[in-house]
Amino acid sequence: MTLKATWYENDNRFIPGHWQPAVLVDLALSRGIDSHRLLRGTGLFHEDLQAGKARLCAQQFLQLIDNSERLLAAADTRFLFGQRLLPGYYGAASHALQHAADLSQALDIVCRYRALISPLLSPRVLLDEQNVYVYWLDTCGAGAQQRFLVESAMTALLAMSRWLAGAPLPWKVSIAQTRPRQVEQYWVNLGEDVRFDAPVDLLSLPREYLHQPWPAAAPTAGQAAQQQSMQQLQELGFDASLLDHLYRHLLANLRHQPQLENVALAFGMSPSTLKRKLHRHGTHFQEQLDLARKHMALYLYQIKGQSNEEVAAYLQFHDSTNLRRSFKRWTGLAPSALRQLWPCD
């Protein structure tokens, strides 16, 4: 089956400059950074952002992030940016978030309207009997800026949920990097329950908090805002990125051993075209396949509690030895170490 082409790529100019990019620009300007230096290499002018005329592609936004990190040279930049991101001032989608009835609805809005609310990262939500889990996917080839984006997104979700719930929620934070020297910034902005050296960047929370009513909920206004947001997506002609669609396709077809040729056919393009598009996003097919297999393996181990043999069978490995070797390559950990480092509580 051929998929309908409803995705964006990293050269599509659809991100309003006065939305998320302006948040970062204003943060940098407030710290004395010259606007010309800040926007160098982006093809943007501050006057266009102020006029609400500029539309950025992901490549331009990522260049802006790179400039900001380099010029500000401060450990708290990503966290301060994240604190300002949600609900944000992004039209109807932000209004829908502000009026959300509870965390469950807020997460649904963030995921459903991710092209509007989070164009550079795609949020994913999983549930088990005890917890809700949130993680993010690179949508446009963030490269060196992915760490900035993920930790900003984590900060944004924690700050928004604290504000709309009227109190901090007991989120647990897993960071897929070694403990940094300036760990205090993580404690201040993400809380003291932060685990480093995790196999994936992840937030988790007891699922009992999903449906606790939020005091500022406005169901009628929120529903109208969601309808307006859906209309905006329809006008854009897409709801997610190429990498997002590819990830979902691979995840759904792991038991059928997806190959470049049949995936390209499903996406209505030649294998060489798909390879070229992935290269332009700073990745390749095997990397994307390994990402989907890694996440599925973590899900089967951590949430479903499956054995090495069961996970190997699902992912079409010949035996559990090959799976363990691949899993260690994907995460730096053996499956047995995962259970010790990343308990399910």
Protein backbone atom coordinates (compact mmCIF):
# COMPACT_ATOMS: atom_id res chain seq x y z
CA MET A 1 0.00 0.00 0.00
CA THR A 2 1.31 3.45 -0.93
CA LEU A 3 1.10 6.10 1.77
CA LYS A 4 -0.39 9.47 0.98
CA ALA A 5 2.38 12.10 0.98
CA THR A 6 1.26 14.34 3.84
CA TRP A 7 4.58 15.13 5.50
CA TYR A 8 6.96 18.03 5.71
CA GLU A 9 10.71 17.95 5.23
CA ASN A 10 13.48 20.09 6.64
CA ASP A 11 13.43 22.56 3.74
CA ASN A 12 9.68 23.33 3.87
CA ARG A 13 9.08 26.88 5.08
CA PHE A 14 6.01 26.67 7.29
CA ILE A 15 7.18 27.59 10.84
CA PRO A 16 5.97 31.13 11.66
CA GLY A 17 8.99 33.14 12.74
CA HIS A 18 6.97 34.94 15.43
CA TRP A 19 6.11 31.62 17.12
CA GLN A 20 8.80 29.30 18.55
CA PRO A 21 11.75 31.03 16.83
CA ALA A 22 10.71 34.38 18.31
CA VAL A 23 10.80 32.88 21.81
CA LEU A 24 14.47 32.08 21.33
CA VAL A 25 15.22 35.39 19.64
CA ASP A 26 13.69 37.37 22.49
CA LEU A 27 15.61 35.31 25.05
CA ALA A 28 18.89 36.06 23.27
CA LEU A 29 18.09 39.75 22.83
CA SER A 30 17.23 40.04 26.54
CA ARG A 31 20.79 38.94 27.27
CA GLY A 32 22.36 41.57 25.07
CA ILE A 33 22.99 39.55 21.90
CA ASP A 34 23.00 41.62 18.71
CA SER A 35 20.15 40.60 16.39
CA HIS A 36 22.35 40.63 13.26
CA ARG A 37 24.85 38.23 14.82
CA LEU A 38 22.01 36.09 16.16
CA LEU A 39 20.34 35.73 12.75
CA ARG A 40 23.53 35.33 10.72
CA GLY A 41 23.27 32.43 8.27
CA THR A 42 19.52 32.03 8.73
CA GLY A 43 18.43 34.29 5.88
CA LEU A 44 16.17 36.13 8.35
CA PHE A 45 15.81 39.72 9.47
CA HIS A 46 14.51 40.79 12.86
CA GLU A 47 12.07 43.21 11.22
CA ASP A 48 10.39 40.33 9.36
CA LEU A 49 9.97 38.38 12.59
CA GLN A 50 8.44 41.43 14.27
CA ALA A 51 6.05 41.94 11.34
CA GLY A 52 4.90 38.33 11.52
CA LYS A 53 5.81 37.74 7.88
CA ALA A 54 8.69 35.26 8.11
CA ARG A 55 8.19 31.54 7.57
CA LEU A 56 11.14 29.33 8.48
CA CYS A 57 12.13 25.86 7.46
CA ALA A 58 13.64 23.52 10.02
CA GLN A 59 17.14 24.15 8.68
CA GLN A 60 16.82 27.86 9.40
CA PHE A 61 15.43 27.25 12.89
CA LEU A 62 18.28 24.85 13.67
CA GLN A 63 20.81 27.45 12.51
CA LEU A 64 19.16 29.95 14.84
CA ILE A 65 19.49 27.49 17.72
CA ASP A 66 23.15 26.90 16.89
CA ASN A 67 23.81 30.65 16.81
CA SER A 68 22.00 31.16 20.11
CA GLU A 69 23.91 28.44 21.93
CA ARG A 70 27.23 29.70 20.63
CA LEU A 71 26.60 33.38 21.36
CA LEU A 72 24.93 32.95 24.75
CA ALA A 73 27.40 30.27 25.87
CA ALA A 74 25.30 29.59 28.98
CA ALA A 75 24.30 26.28 30.54
CA ASP A 76 20.75 27.43 31.21
CA THR A 77 19.80 28.57 27.68
CA ARG A 78 17.90 25.41 26.73
CA PHE A 79 16.02 25.39 30.02
CA LEU A 80 15.04 29.06 29.85
CA PHE A 81 13.88 28.51 26.27
CA GLY A 82 11.85 25.48 27.35
CA GLN A 83 10.17 27.37 30.20
CA ARG A 84 8.78 29.83 27.63
CA LEU A 85 7.63 27.29 25.02
CA LEU A 86 4.29 25.92 26.29
CA PRO A 87 1.44 26.65 26.03
CA GLY A 88 3.05 29.37 23.94
CA TYR A 89 1.52 31.95 21.62
CA TYR A 90 0.96 29.76 18.59
CA GLY A 91 -2.64 30.58 17.77
CA ALA A 92 -5.44 28.08 18.27
CA ALA A 93 -3.19 25.21 19.31
CA SER A 94 -1.89 27.22 22.27
CA HIS A 95 -5.45 28.16 23.24
CA ALA A 96 -6.42 24.50 23.14
CA LEU A 97 -3.54 23.69 25.51
CA GLN A 98 -4.44 26.48 27.91
CA HIS A 99 -8.01 25.18 28.14
CA ALA A 100 -7.09 21.46 28.49
CA ALA A 101 -9.19 19.55 31.02
CA ASP A 102 -6.28 17.50 32.34
CA LEU A 103 -2.84 16.16 31.50
CA SER A 104 -4.26 13.41 29.29
CA GLN A 105 -5.96 15.94 27.03
CA ALA A 106 -2.92 18.22 27.03
CA LEU A 107 -0.65 15.37 25.88
CA ASP A 108 -3.16 14.46 23.18
CA ILE A 109 -3.16 18.07 21.94
CA VAL A 110 0.65 18.29 21.91
CA CYS A 111 0.85 15.05 19.90
CA ARG A 112 -2.07 15.71 17.55
CA TYR A 113 -0.96 19.23 16.62
CA ARG A 114 2.79 18.61 16.84
CA ALA A 115 3.47 20.24 13.47
CA LEU A 116 2.18 23.50 15.01
CA ILE A 117 3.34 23.14 18.62
CA SER A 118 6.59 21.19 18.23
CA PRO A 119 7.78 21.24 14.60
CA LEU A 120 11.37 20.08 15.29
CA LEU A 121 10.53 17.23 17.69
CA SER A 122 7.66 14.76 17.59
CA PRO A 123 6.33 13.79 21.04
CA ARG A 124 5.29 10.18 21.68
CA VAL A 125 3.21 8.95 24.61
CA LEU A 126 3.07 5.39 26.01
CA LEU A 127 1.02 3.95 28.86
CA ASP A 128 1.34 0.89 31.02
CA GLU A 129 -0.67 -0.10 34.08
CA GLN A 130 1.28 2.20 36.40
CA ASN A 131 2.82 5.05 34.38
CA VAL A 132 2.62 7.38 31.43
CA TYR A 133 5.83 7.81 29.43
CA VAL A 134 6.74 10.67 27.08
CA TYR A 135 9.66 10.75 24.66
CA TRP A 136 10.52 12.71 21.53
CA LEU A 137 11.68 11.98 17.99
CA ASP A 138 13.91 14.12 15.81
CA THR A 139 11.70 15.26 12.94
CA CYS A 140 14.10 17.13 10.68
CA GLY A 141 17.70 16.07 11.28
CA ALA A 142 18.61 18.16 14.33
CA GLY A 143 22.13 16.76 14.57
CA ALA A 144 24.18 18.61 17.18
CA GLN A 145 21.09 20.59 18.26
CA GLN A 146 19.06 17.53 19.30
CA ARG A 147 20.25 17.63 22.92
CA PHE A 148 19.18 21.27 23.16
CA LEU A 149 15.78 20.47 21.68
CA VAL A 150 15.04 17.43 23.83
CA GLU A 151 15.95 19.10 27.10
CA SER A 152 13.99 22.20 26.10
CA ALA A 153 10.98 20.00 25.34
CA MET A 154 11.26 18.24 28.69
CA THR A 155 11.45 21.58 30.49
CA ALA A 156 8.47 22.88 28.52
CA LEU A 157 6.23 19.95 29.42
CA LEU A 158 7.18 20.04 33.09
CA ALA A 159 6.67 23.82 33.31
CA MET A 160 3.33 23.71 31.48
CA SER A 161 1.93 20.84 33.55
CA ARG A 162 3.01 22.57 36.76
CA TRP A 163 1.29 25.80 35.74
CA LEU A 164 -1.95 24.28 34.43
CA ALA A 165 -2.25 21.71 37.22
CA GLY A 166 -1.63 24.39 39.81
CA ALA A 167 1.14 22.36 41.46
CA PRO A 168 4.30 20.43 40.49
CA LEU A 169 3.73 16.87 39.28
CA PRO A 170 6.12 14.06 40.34
CA TRP A 171 7.75 13.53 36.96
CA LYS A 172 10.79 11.27 36.73
CA VAL A 173 13.40 12.29 34.18
CA SER A 174 15.75 10.00 32.26
CA ILE A 175 18.59 11.62 30.32
CA ALA A 176 20.52 9.70 27.66
CA GLN A 177 23.91 11.23 28.41
CA THR A 178 26.49 11.01 31.14
CA ARG A 179 26.07 13.21 34.19
CA PRO A 180 27.29 16.71 33.19
CA ARG A 181 29.52 18.92 35.29
CA GLN A 182 26.81 21.56 35.67
CA VAL A 183 24.18 19.17 36.96
CA GLU A 184 22.57 21.88 39.10
CA GLN A 185 20.77 23.25 36.03
CA TYR A 186 19.03 19.89 35.63
CA TRP A 187 17.96 19.83 39.27
CA VAL A 188 16.66 23.38 39.14
CA ASN A 189 14.74 22.99 35.88
CA LEU A 190 13.83 19.29 35.72
CA GLY A 191 13.66 18.40 39.41
CA GLU A 192 15.91 16.30 41.60
CA ASP A 193 14.63 12.96 40.26
CA VAL A 194 16.90 12.97 37.20
CA ARG A 195 18.68 9.81 36.03
CA PHE A 196 21.63 10.08 33.67
CA ASP A 197 23.15 7.38 31.43
CA ALA A 198 19.65 6.26 30.47
CA PRO A 199 19.06 4.35 27.22
CA VAL A 200 16.63 7.02 26.00
CA ASP A 201 15.51 10.53 26.93
CA LEU A 202 12.22 10.03 28.74
CA LEU A 203 9.71 11.52 31.17
CA SER A 204 7.53 9.25 33.29
CA LEU A 205 4.70 9.92 35.71
CA PRO A 206 2.20 7.77 37.65
CA ARG A 207 -0.85 7.55 35.41
CA GLU A 208 -3.18 8.60 38.24
CA TYR A 209 -2.18 12.17 37.41
CA LEU A 210 -3.46 11.88 33.83
CA HIS A 211 -7.08 12.59 34.67
CA GLN A 212 -6.83 14.90 37.66
CA PRO A 213 -8.93 17.97 36.67
CA TRP A 214 -7.04 21.17 35.91
CA PRO A 215 -8.47 24.36 37.42
CA ALA A 216 -8.32 26.49 34.24
CA ALA A 217 -10.16 23.97 32.03
CA ALA A 218 -12.64 25.45 29.55
CA PRO A 219 -14.14 22.59 27.49
CA THR A 220 -16.20 24.67 25.06
CA ALA A 221 -13.42 27.12 24.22
CA GLY A 222 -10.93 24.25 24.09
CA GLN A 223 -12.99 22.26 21.61
CA ALA A 224 -13.37 25.29 19.35
CA ALA A 225 -9.61 25.87 19.50
CA GLN A 226 -8.93 22.25 18.54
CA GLN A 227 -11.22 22.55 15.52
CA GLN A 228 -9.35 25.67 14.43
CA SER A 229 -6.04 23.86 14.90
CA MET A 230 -7.22 20.97 12.74
CA GLN A 231 -8.20 23.45 10.05
CA GLN A 232 -4.69 24.92 10.18
CA LEU A 233 -3.18 21.46 9.66
CA GLN A 234 -5.49 20.85 6.72
CA GLU A 235 -4.39 24.14 5.18
CA LEU A 236 -0.73 23.18 5.66
CA GLY A 237 -1.38 19.83 3.99
CA PHE A 238 0.52 17.75 6.55
CA ASP A 239 0.44 16.80 10.22
CA ALA A 240 3.95 15.40 10.74
CA SER A 241 7.42 15.15 9.19
CA LEU A 242 8.85 12.59 6.79
CA LEU A 243 11.01 11.13 9.58
CA ASP A 244 7.97 10.90 11.84
CA HIS A 245 5.98 9.01 9.21
CA LEU A 246 8.94 6.74 8.52
CA TYR A 247 9.36 5.93 12.22
CA ARG A 248 5.69 5.03 12.58
CA HIS A 249 5.80 2.87 9.46
CA LEU A 250 8.92 1.04 10.61
CA LEU A 251 7.56 0.54 14.12
CA ALA A 252 4.35 -0.97 12.75
CA ASN A 253 6.21 -3.33 10.40
CA LEU A 254 9.18 -4.55 12.45
CA ARG A 255 7.87 -8.11 12.48
CA HIS A 256 8.03 -8.10 8.66
CA GLN A 257 11.72 -7.13 8.46
CA PRO A 258 11.29 -3.85 6.54
CA GLN A 259 13.80 -3.21 3.78
CA LEU A 260 14.67 0.02 2.01
CA GLU A 261 13.05 -1.13 -1.23
CA ASN A 262 9.63 -2.02 0.15
CA VAL A 263 9.52 0.99 2.48
CA ALA A 264 10.33 3.32 -0.42
CA LEU A 265 7.52 1.66 -2.41
CA ALA A 266 5.10 2.26 0.47
CA PHE A 267 6.11 5.92 0.48
CA GLY A 268 5.58 6.22 -3.27
CA MET A 269 9.18 6.86 -4.24
CA SER A 270 12.24 5.03 -5.48
CA PRO A 271 14.84 3.67 -3.05
CA SER A 272 17.37 6.21 -4.34
CA THR A 273 14.95 9.07 -3.70
CA LEU A 274 14.28 7.90 -0.15
CA LYS A 275 18.03 7.52 0.46
CA ARG A 276 18.60 11.03 -0.85
CA LYS A 277 15.87 12.50 1.33
CA LEU A 278 17.22 10.77 4.42
CA HIS A 279 20.73 11.96 3.63
CA ARG A 280 19.42 15.52 3.44
CA HIS A 281 18.04 14.99 6.96
CA GLY A 282 21.43 13.82 8.23
CA THR A 283 20.46 10.16 8.57
CA HIS A 284 20.08 6.92 6.64
CA PHE A 285 17.67 4.00 6.47
CA GLN A 286 19.58 1.64 8.76
CA GLU A 287 19.85 4.33 11.44
CA GLN A 288 16.10 4.92 11.34
CA LEU A 289 15.40 1.19 11.41
CA ASP A 290 17.71 0.73 14.39
CA LEU A 291 15.97 3.59 16.20
CA ALA A 292 12.59 1.91 15.77
CA ARG A 293 14.01 -1.46 16.86
CA LYS A 294 15.69 0.11 19.88
CA HIS A 295 12.47 1.77 21.02
CA MET A 296 10.45 -1.39 20.47
CA ALA A 297 13.00 -3.45 22.38
CA LEU A 298 12.86 -0.98 25.29
CA TYR A 299 9.07 -1.15 25.22
CA LEU A 300 9.02 -4.94 25.22
CA TYR A 301 11.63 -5.22 27.96
CA GLN A 302 10.55 -2.35 30.16
CA ILE A 303 6.78 -2.16 29.80
CA LYS A 304 5.80 -5.64 28.64
CA GLY A 305 8.42 -7.44 30.74
CA GLN A 306 9.38 -9.84 27.95
CA SER A 307 12.40 -12.13 27.94
CA ASN A 308 15.41 -11.94 25.61
CA GLU A 309 13.97 -14.79 23.55
CA GLU A 310 10.57 -13.11 23.17
CA VAL A 311 12.09 -9.77 22.16
CA ALA A 312 14.44 -11.47 19.71
CA ALA A 313 11.50 -13.28 18.10
CA TYR A 314 9.46 -10.08 17.77
CA LEU A 315 12.35 -8.16 16.19
CA GLN A 316 13.20 -11.06 13.88
CA PHE A 317 16.66 -11.78 15.32
CA HIS A 318 17.93 -15.31 14.80
CA ASP A 319 18.74 -15.71 18.49
CA SER A 320 18.98 -13.76 21.72
CA THR A 321 22.78 -13.46 21.43
CA ASN A 322 22.46 -11.36 18.28
CA LEU A 323 19.78 -9.27 19.97
CA ARG A 324 21.96 -8.60 23.02
CA ARG A 325 24.83 -7.56 20.77
CA SER A 326 22.62 -5.16 18.82
CA PHE A 327 20.91 -3.83 21.93
CA LYS A 328 24.26 -2.95 23.46
CA ARG A 329 25.23 -1.16 20.24
CA TRP A 330 21.97 0.82 20.30
CA THR A 331 21.99 1.76 23.99
CA GLY A 332 25.46 1.04 25.38
CA LEU A 333 23.83 -1.41 27.79
CA ALA A 334 23.11 -5.10 27.99
CA PRO A 335 19.41 -5.92 28.55
CA SER A 336 20.23 -7.18 32.05
CA ALA A 337 21.87 -3.86 32.94
CA LEU A 338 18.81 -2.00 31.66
CA ARG A 339 16.59 -3.49 34.34
CA GLN A 340 19.02 -2.39 37.06
CA LEU A 341 19.58 1.11 35.70
CA TRP A 342 16.08 1.92 34.53
CA PRO A 343 13.62 0.20 36.89
CA CYS A 344 9.92 0.16 36.11
CA ASP A 345 8.76 1.83 39.31
